[in-house]
Amino acid sequence: MWNRAIKNRLIWLTVLVLLTIGLNVLMAFPEWIEVNYSRTFYPIFSYLPKFLFSWIPFSVGDLFYAGIVVFLLVLLGKSIVSLFKKKFSESLKAFLTLLVSLLGIYAFFNISWGLNYYRIPVSKQMGIAVDTVRLEDHLTVLEAHIETANLLRSGLDWRNQDRSGINQDIEGLMQDDVVFPMLSNSQVKIKNPLFNSFASYMGVSGYFNPFTHEAHINGAMPMAGYPFTVSHELAHQMGIGFEDECNFIAFVKLKDHQNSFYRYAAYYESVRYLLNSLYLVDKGLFEQYKDRLSEKVLADLKEEQEYWKRYTGWISDVSGLFYDQYLKHNNQAEGMARYGMVSRLIINYSVRDLIR
């Protein structure tokens, strides 16, 4: 009986290894992935998780993650305990089940959403150069965005803003698109995590679950960047993998919105990323341009910094390390630094518009 069970697991293991090899071969062909996966298969497949999970008011994906972790730990523990008890067949069976499960999760991750990491970059599809950024252009765009952010912030009061209303507004905005034809409109829905506080302790303002296709927004995060983060996570849900590109899409979608708060969120985040990238180039210029921010914009930055500082600890450190490695293993060698690379897109896109 045990031999038959082990044999069946070895067959599944072989099939999954071959499938994994095939998926990794496809990753070398972004044009094929763009046409056949990201623009054909993924938009159709997305209807399945939409039908199964989008109507459920809480995060199914959070429960899925918890269940998977427990399941894998139980299998690992069973394999180790059986080995010490010299029950070698049971130990091997549990270990093979663990391997099959891990490979199955990896394969489903890529089929469900992960291959979007290997599609043609948005920058290439839109003809935006990202190889070089002139300091002169950087300063020109930063100055313009600082002026816009200061002006917009002067007349804003978001104390009565309803976050659920913001979610609905941004969902509608993301579905109505002519700028980014590469986005999938099959499912555009944002949710809160099961526990906003746990997301904060992890240092997370939002995240996307590639298994259930649920986009999440931390409902407790500071308000200034809230609309931007909603747009970012929905861009993931709509088939964009690279973090800088999701940031860029959020900026472009919000910068001309009729709602001045949403416009401010776009320019607030743009200024933050442009200042951070300038700091890496010239700390003196960074200080000069930071001093141009209004007191209200500086207060928003301080509020955000203090909020995340309250939750900084070993959980956020481990979460950050894990996600950094996750990104590096999914076609983003820069890891967490990829978020900040949105500055290249914003600068060169803005300069191109000025030239036109």
Protein backbone atom coordinates (compact mmCIF):
# COMPACT_ATOMS: atom_id res chain seq x y z
CA MET A 1 0.00 0.00 0.00
CA TRP A 2 2.78 2.37 1.00
CA ASN A 3 4.75 1.54 -2.16
CA ARG A 4 1.77 2.35 -4.35
CA ALA A 5 1.21 5.66 -2.54
CA ILE A 6 4.87 6.57 -2.94
CA LYS A 7 4.79 5.58 -6.61
CA ASN A 8 1.79 7.85 -7.22
CA ARG A 9 3.57 10.76 -5.57
CA LEU A 10 6.67 10.16 -7.67
CA ILE A 11 4.53 10.28 -10.81
CA TRP A 12 2.99 13.58 -9.70
CA LEU A 13 6.42 14.90 -8.81
CA THR A 14 7.73 14.05 -12.28
CA VAL A 15 4.77 15.71 -13.98
CA LEU A 16 5.17 18.86 -11.88
CA VAL A 17 8.93 19.01 -12.48
CA LEU A 18 8.33 18.86 -16.24
CA LEU A 19 5.60 21.51 -15.95
CA THR A 20 7.94 23.74 -13.95
CA ILE A 21 10.65 23.36 -16.57
CA GLY A 22 8.15 24.25 -19.29
CA LEU A 23 7.01 27.37 -17.41
CA ASN A 24 10.59 28.50 -16.91
CA VAL A 25 11.26 28.08 -20.63
CA LEU A 26 8.25 30.32 -21.41
CA MET A 27 9.67 33.03 -19.13
CA ALA A 28 12.41 33.63 -21.69
CA PHE A 29 9.84 34.75 -24.30
CA PRO A 30 8.16 38.00 -23.15
CA GLU A 31 6.51 38.61 -26.53
CA TRP A 32 4.79 35.22 -26.38
CA ILE A 33 3.72 35.81 -22.79
CA GLU A 34 2.38 39.28 -23.61
CA VAL A 35 0.20 38.06 -26.49
CA ASN A 36 -0.84 34.59 -25.36
CA TYR A 37 -0.83 34.83 -21.57
CA SER A 38 -1.18 38.41 -20.31
CA ARG A 39 -3.60 39.60 -23.00
CA THR A 40 -5.41 36.35 -23.79
CA PHE A 41 -5.33 33.67 -21.10
CA TYR A 42 -5.08 35.84 -17.98
CA PRO A 43 -8.11 38.10 -18.69
CA ILE A 44 -10.27 35.01 -19.26
CA PHE A 45 -8.89 33.01 -16.34
CA SER A 46 -9.43 36.00 -14.02
CA TYR A 47 -13.18 35.50 -14.24
CA LEU A 48 -12.84 32.30 -12.19
CA PRO A 49 -11.45 33.88 -8.98
CA LYS A 50 -13.80 36.82 -9.56
CA PHE A 51 -16.78 34.43 -9.53
CA LEU A 52 -15.41 32.51 -6.53
CA PHE A 53 -14.04 35.23 -4.26
CA SER A 54 -14.79 38.83 -5.27
CA TRP A 55 -18.27 38.85 -3.72
CA ILE A 56 -16.99 37.59 -0.34
CA PRO A 57 -16.54 40.64 1.95
CA PHE A 58 -13.42 39.35 3.72
CA SER A 59 -10.05 38.17 2.43
CA VAL A 60 -10.16 34.53 1.39
CA GLY A 61 -6.52 34.81 0.37
CA ASP A 62 -5.39 35.55 3.93
CA LEU A 63 -7.08 32.35 5.11
CA PHE A 64 -5.49 30.50 2.18
CA TYR A 65 -2.01 31.66 3.18
CA ALA A 66 -2.57 30.63 6.80
CA GLY A 67 -3.91 27.23 5.76
CA ILE A 68 -1.02 26.57 3.37
CA VAL A 69 1.58 27.43 6.02
CA VAL A 70 -0.06 25.10 8.55
CA PHE A 71 -0.43 22.32 5.96
CA LEU A 72 3.22 22.47 4.88
CA LEU A 73 4.49 22.61 8.46
CA VAL A 74 2.39 19.57 9.38
CA LEU A 75 3.83 17.61 6.43
CA LEU A 76 7.37 18.62 7.35
CA GLY A 77 6.81 17.70 10.98
CA LYS A 78 5.25 14.36 10.06
CA SER A 79 8.19 13.51 7.81
CA ILE A 80 10.74 14.34 10.53
CA VAL A 81 8.87 12.54 13.33
CA SER A 82 8.37 9.42 11.19
CA LEU A 83 12.07 9.43 10.32
CA PHE A 84 13.07 9.48 13.98
CA LYS A 85 10.63 6.65 14.65
CA LYS A 86 12.28 4.74 11.79
CA LYS A 87 9.01 4.61 9.89
CA PHE A 88 10.83 5.28 6.65
CA SER A 89 7.93 4.66 4.29
CA GLU A 90 5.70 7.13 6.14
CA SER A 91 8.53 9.65 6.31
CA LEU A 92 9.19 9.37 2.57
CA LYS A 93 5.50 9.59 1.78
CA ALA A 94 5.10 12.79 3.81
CA PHE A 95 8.27 14.27 2.32
CA LEU A 96 7.17 13.50 -1.24
CA THR A 97 3.76 15.00 -0.49
CA LEU A 98 5.56 18.11 0.73
CA LEU A 99 7.61 18.35 -2.48
CA VAL A 100 4.56 17.77 -4.67
CA SER A 101 2.67 20.45 -2.75
CA LEU A 102 5.49 23.00 -3.08
CA LEU A 103 5.90 22.37 -6.80
CA GLY A 104 2.13 22.45 -7.28
CA ILE A 105 1.91 25.80 -5.50
CA TYR A 106 4.77 27.19 -7.61
CA ALA A 107 3.22 25.96 -10.87
CA PHE A 108 -0.24 27.29 -10.01
CA PHE A 109 1.26 30.63 -8.93
CA ASN A 110 2.78 31.11 -12.37
CA ILE A 111 -0.23 29.85 -14.31
CA SER A 112 -2.67 31.89 -12.22
CA TRP A 113 -0.79 35.21 -12.33
CA GLY A 114 3.00 34.91 -11.95
CA LEU A 115 3.86 34.85 -15.67
CA ASN A 116 2.85 38.52 -15.75
CA TYR A 117 6.28 39.20 -14.25
CA TYR A 118 7.74 38.19 -17.61
CA ARG A 119 5.54 40.13 -20.01
CA ILE A 120 6.80 43.06 -22.11
CA PRO A 121 7.46 46.01 -19.75
CA VAL A 122 4.94 48.86 -19.79
CA SER A 123 7.79 51.29 -20.48
CA LYS A 124 8.64 49.47 -23.70
CA GLN A 125 5.00 49.24 -24.78
CA MET A 126 4.55 52.99 -24.25
CA GLY A 127 7.92 53.95 -25.72
CA ILE A 128 9.26 55.50 -22.50
CA ALA A 129 13.06 55.42 -22.17
CA VAL A 130 14.23 54.20 -18.76
CA ASP A 131 17.94 53.54 -19.36
CA THR A 132 19.07 57.06 -18.45
CA VAL A 133 17.62 60.06 -16.64
CA ARG A 134 19.15 63.53 -16.97
CA LEU A 135 19.59 65.40 -13.69
CA GLU A 136 18.24 68.53 -15.39
CA ASP A 137 15.03 66.68 -16.28
CA HIS A 138 14.81 65.22 -12.78
CA LEU A 139 14.96 68.67 -11.20
CA THR A 140 12.53 70.20 -13.70
CA VAL A 141 9.88 67.54 -13.09
CA LEU A 142 10.45 67.53 -9.32
CA GLU A 143 10.05 71.31 -9.12
CA ALA A 144 6.82 71.20 -11.12
CA HIS A 145 5.41 68.37 -9.01
CA ILE A 146 6.34 70.10 -5.76
CA GLU A 147 4.49 73.23 -6.88
CA THR A 148 1.44 71.18 -7.84
CA ALA A 149 1.47 69.19 -4.59
CA ASN A 150 1.78 72.37 -2.50
CA LEU A 151 -1.08 74.04 -4.37
CA LEU A 152 -3.41 71.04 -4.16
CA ARG A 153 -2.68 70.42 -0.48
CA SER A 154 -3.47 74.01 0.51
CA GLY A 155 -7.18 73.53 -0.14
CA LEU A 156 -7.64 69.95 1.08
CA ASP A 157 -9.35 68.58 4.16
CA TRP A 158 -9.88 64.82 4.09
CA ARG A 159 -11.09 64.26 7.63
CA ASN A 160 -14.53 63.24 6.34
CA GLN A 161 -13.29 61.13 3.43
CA ASP A 162 -14.91 57.69 3.32
CA ARG A 163 -12.38 55.02 2.44
CA SER A 164 -14.97 52.66 0.98
CA GLY A 165 -16.11 55.48 -1.29
CA ILE A 166 -12.52 56.07 -2.38
CA ASN A 167 -12.19 52.36 -3.15
CA GLN A 168 -15.26 52.44 -5.40
CA ASP A 169 -14.08 55.60 -7.16
CA ILE A 170 -10.65 54.16 -7.92
CA GLU A 171 -12.13 50.84 -9.07
CA GLY A 172 -14.26 52.72 -11.59
CA LEU A 173 -11.32 54.86 -12.66
CA MET A 174 -9.08 51.85 -13.27
CA GLN A 175 -11.71 50.09 -15.40
CA ASP A 176 -12.20 53.13 -17.62
CA ASP A 177 -8.88 53.13 -19.43
CA VAL A 178 -7.53 54.23 -22.78
CA VAL A 179 -3.95 55.03 -21.71
CA PHE A 180 -2.99 51.50 -20.68
CA PRO A 181 -4.56 48.99 -23.11
CA MET A 182 -2.39 46.22 -21.63
CA LEU A 183 -4.50 46.16 -18.45
CA SER A 184 -7.04 43.37 -17.92
CA ASN A 185 -10.50 44.56 -16.87
CA SER A 186 -11.86 41.14 -15.90
CA GLN A 187 -11.67 41.91 -12.20
CA VAL A 188 -11.12 45.29 -10.55
CA LYS A 189 -11.97 45.00 -6.86
CA ILE A 190 -10.13 46.05 -3.69
CA LYS A 191 -10.55 44.55 -0.20
CA ASN A 192 -9.19 45.06 3.29
CA PRO A 193 -7.01 42.34 4.81
CA LEU A 194 -8.47 40.29 7.64
CA PHE A 195 -6.45 42.39 10.10
CA ASN A 196 -5.27 45.88 9.16
CA SER A 197 -3.06 46.01 12.25
CA PHE A 198 -1.19 42.84 11.25
CA ALA A 199 -0.60 44.31 7.79
CA SER A 200 0.82 47.41 9.48
CA TYR A 201 3.14 45.32 11.65
CA MET A 202 4.35 43.67 8.45
CA GLY A 203 5.08 47.12 7.03
CA VAL A 204 2.53 46.62 4.26
CA SER A 205 0.21 49.31 2.90
CA GLY A 206 -1.29 46.97 0.31
CA TYR A 207 -0.74 43.61 -1.35
CA PHE A 208 -2.08 41.33 -4.06
CA ASN A 209 -2.79 37.62 -3.67
CA PRO A 210 -1.82 35.83 -6.92
CA PHE A 211 -3.75 32.70 -5.95
CA THR A 212 -7.17 34.22 -5.23
CA HIS A 213 -6.59 37.40 -7.31
CA GLU A 214 -7.66 39.56 -4.36
CA ALA A 215 -6.15 43.04 -4.15
CA HIS A 216 -5.84 44.36 -0.59
CA ILE A 217 -5.50 47.84 0.89
CA ASN A 218 -4.48 48.46 4.49
CA GLY A 219 -7.48 50.41 5.76
CA ALA A 220 -5.49 51.91 8.62
CA MET A 221 -2.65 53.47 6.61
CA PRO A 222 -2.28 57.28 6.51
CA MET A 223 -4.73 58.95 4.16
CA ALA A 224 -2.35 61.01 2.00
CA GLY A 225 -1.16 58.08 -0.10
CA TYR A 226 -4.28 55.93 0.24
CA PRO A 227 -5.77 56.46 -3.28
CA PHE A 228 -2.36 55.89 -4.84
CA THR A 229 -1.92 52.56 -3.04
CA VAL A 230 -5.41 51.41 -4.07
CA SER A 231 -4.52 52.13 -7.71
CA HIS A 232 -1.17 50.36 -7.34
CA GLU A 233 -2.72 47.15 -6.01
CA LEU A 234 -5.47 47.17 -8.63
CA ALA A 235 -2.78 47.46 -11.32
CA HIS A 236 -1.34 44.19 -10.00
CA GLN A 237 -4.80 42.64 -10.17
CA MET A 238 -5.09 43.85 -13.76
CA GLY A 239 -1.98 41.95 -14.81
CA ILE A 240 1.03 44.19 -14.07
CA GLY A 241 3.88 42.59 -12.14
CA PHE A 242 6.67 45.17 -11.85
CA GLU A 243 6.34 47.39 -8.77
CA ASP A 244 7.60 50.57 -10.46
CA GLU A 245 5.10 50.10 -13.27
CA CYS A 246 2.19 49.75 -10.84
CA ASN A 247 3.34 52.98 -9.19
CA PHE A 248 3.57 54.65 -12.58
CA ILE A 249 0.09 53.52 -13.60
CA ALA A 250 -1.28 54.83 -10.28
CA PHE A 251 0.37 58.21 -10.90
CA VAL A 252 -0.90 58.57 -14.46
CA LYS A 253 -4.43 57.45 -13.56
CA LEU A 254 -4.75 59.91 -10.67
CA LYS A 255 -2.80 62.98 -11.77
CA ASP A 256 -5.61 64.47 -13.89
CA HIS A 257 -8.59 63.26 -11.84
CA GLN A 258 -11.35 65.79 -11.21
CA ASN A 259 -11.11 65.04 -7.48
CA SER A 260 -8.32 67.26 -6.10
CA PHE A 261 -7.59 64.79 -3.28
CA TYR A 262 -6.86 62.02 -5.78
CA ARG A 263 -4.67 64.39 -7.80
CA TYR A 264 -2.81 65.33 -4.64
CA ALA A 265 -2.20 61.66 -3.82
CA ALA A 266 -0.56 61.24 -7.24
CA TYR A 267 1.74 64.24 -6.87
CA TYR A 268 2.43 63.55 -3.18
CA GLU A 269 3.72 60.09 -4.02
CA SER A 270 5.59 61.35 -7.08
CA VAL A 271 7.38 63.99 -5.00
CA ARG A 272 8.25 61.41 -2.37
CA TYR A 273 9.79 59.02 -4.91
CA LEU A 274 11.56 61.80 -6.85
CA LEU A 275 13.07 63.21 -3.66
CA ASN A 276 14.22 59.77 -2.52
CA SER A 277 15.94 59.11 -5.85
CA LEU A 278 17.52 62.59 -5.79
CA TYR A 279 18.92 61.85 -2.32
CA LEU A 280 20.92 58.99 -3.84
CA VAL A 281 22.41 61.37 -6.42
CA ASP A 282 22.98 64.63 -4.54
CA LYS A 283 22.13 65.08 -0.85
CA GLY A 284 22.58 68.84 -1.07
CA LEU A 285 20.02 69.17 -3.86
CA PHE A 286 17.72 66.84 -1.94
CA GLU A 287 17.70 69.23 1.03
CA GLN A 288 17.17 72.26 -1.23
CA TYR A 289 14.13 70.77 -2.91
CA LYS A 290 12.70 69.27 0.26
CA ASP A 291 12.73 72.77 1.78
CA ARG A 292 10.35 73.85 -1.01
CA LEU A 293 7.58 71.62 0.32
CA SER A 294 4.75 73.39 2.12
CA GLU A 295 4.18 72.83 5.83
CA LYS A 296 1.09 70.74 5.11
CA VAL A 297 2.90 68.41 2.68
CA LEU A 298 5.78 68.06 5.15
CA ALA A 299 3.23 67.26 7.86
CA ASP A 300 1.76 64.49 5.67
CA LEU A 301 5.23 63.02 5.13
CA LYS A 302 5.92 63.21 8.87
CA GLU A 303 2.59 61.57 9.73
CA GLU A 304 3.33 58.70 7.36
CA GLN A 305 6.85 58.27 8.70
CA GLU A 306 5.67 58.25 12.31
CA TYR A 307 2.85 55.82 11.54
CA TRP A 308 5.16 53.19 10.07
CA LYS A 309 7.75 53.81 12.77
CA ARG A 310 5.20 52.75 15.40
CA TYR A 311 4.89 49.37 13.72
CA THR A 312 8.56 48.78 12.90
CA GLY A 313 9.96 45.63 14.50
CA TRP A 314 11.09 42.11 13.80
CA ILE A 315 7.87 41.25 11.96
CA SER A 316 8.32 44.08 9.45
CA ASP A 317 12.03 43.24 9.15
CA VAL A 318 11.31 39.59 8.31
CA SER A 319 8.47 40.57 5.98
CA GLY A 320 10.69 43.06 4.16
CA LEU A 321 13.51 40.54 3.79
CA PHE A 322 11.12 37.89 2.46
CA TYR A 323 9.46 40.21 -0.03
CA ASP A 324 12.81 41.54 -1.21
CA GLN A 325 13.88 37.99 -2.06
CA TYR A 326 10.47 37.25 -3.59
CA LEU A 327 10.86 40.16 -6.01
CA LYS A 328 14.43 39.19 -6.86
CA HIS A 329 13.26 35.69 -7.76
CA ASN A 330 10.48 37.09 -9.93
CA ASN A 331 12.36 39.08 -12.58
CA GLN A 332 13.03 42.14 -10.40
CA ALA A 333 16.71 41.91 -9.50
CA GLU A 334 16.53 45.22 -7.63
CA GLY A 335 14.21 43.75 -5.00
CA MET A 336 12.38 46.33 -2.88
CA ALA A 337 14.35 49.10 -4.60
CA ARG A 338 12.18 48.45 -7.66
CA TYR A 339 9.40 50.59 -6.15
CA GLY A 340 11.60 53.68 -6.27
CA MET A 341 12.52 53.12 -9.90
CA VAL A 342 9.17 54.66 -10.78
CA SER A 343 11.06 57.97 -10.76
CA ARG A 344 12.61 57.04 -14.13
CA LEU A 345 9.17 56.47 -15.65
CA ILE A 346 7.62 59.62 -14.19
CA ILE A 347 10.51 61.87 -15.24
CA ASN A 348 10.89 60.66 -18.81
CA TYR A 349 7.12 60.40 -19.32
CA SER A 350 6.63 63.95 -18.04
CA VAL A 351 9.50 65.33 -20.14
CA ARG A 352 8.09 63.61 -23.22
CA ASP A 353 4.73 65.27 -22.60
CA LEU A 354 6.40 68.67 -22.20
CA ILE A 355 8.18 68.24 -25.54
CA ARG A 356 4.89 67.37 -27.23
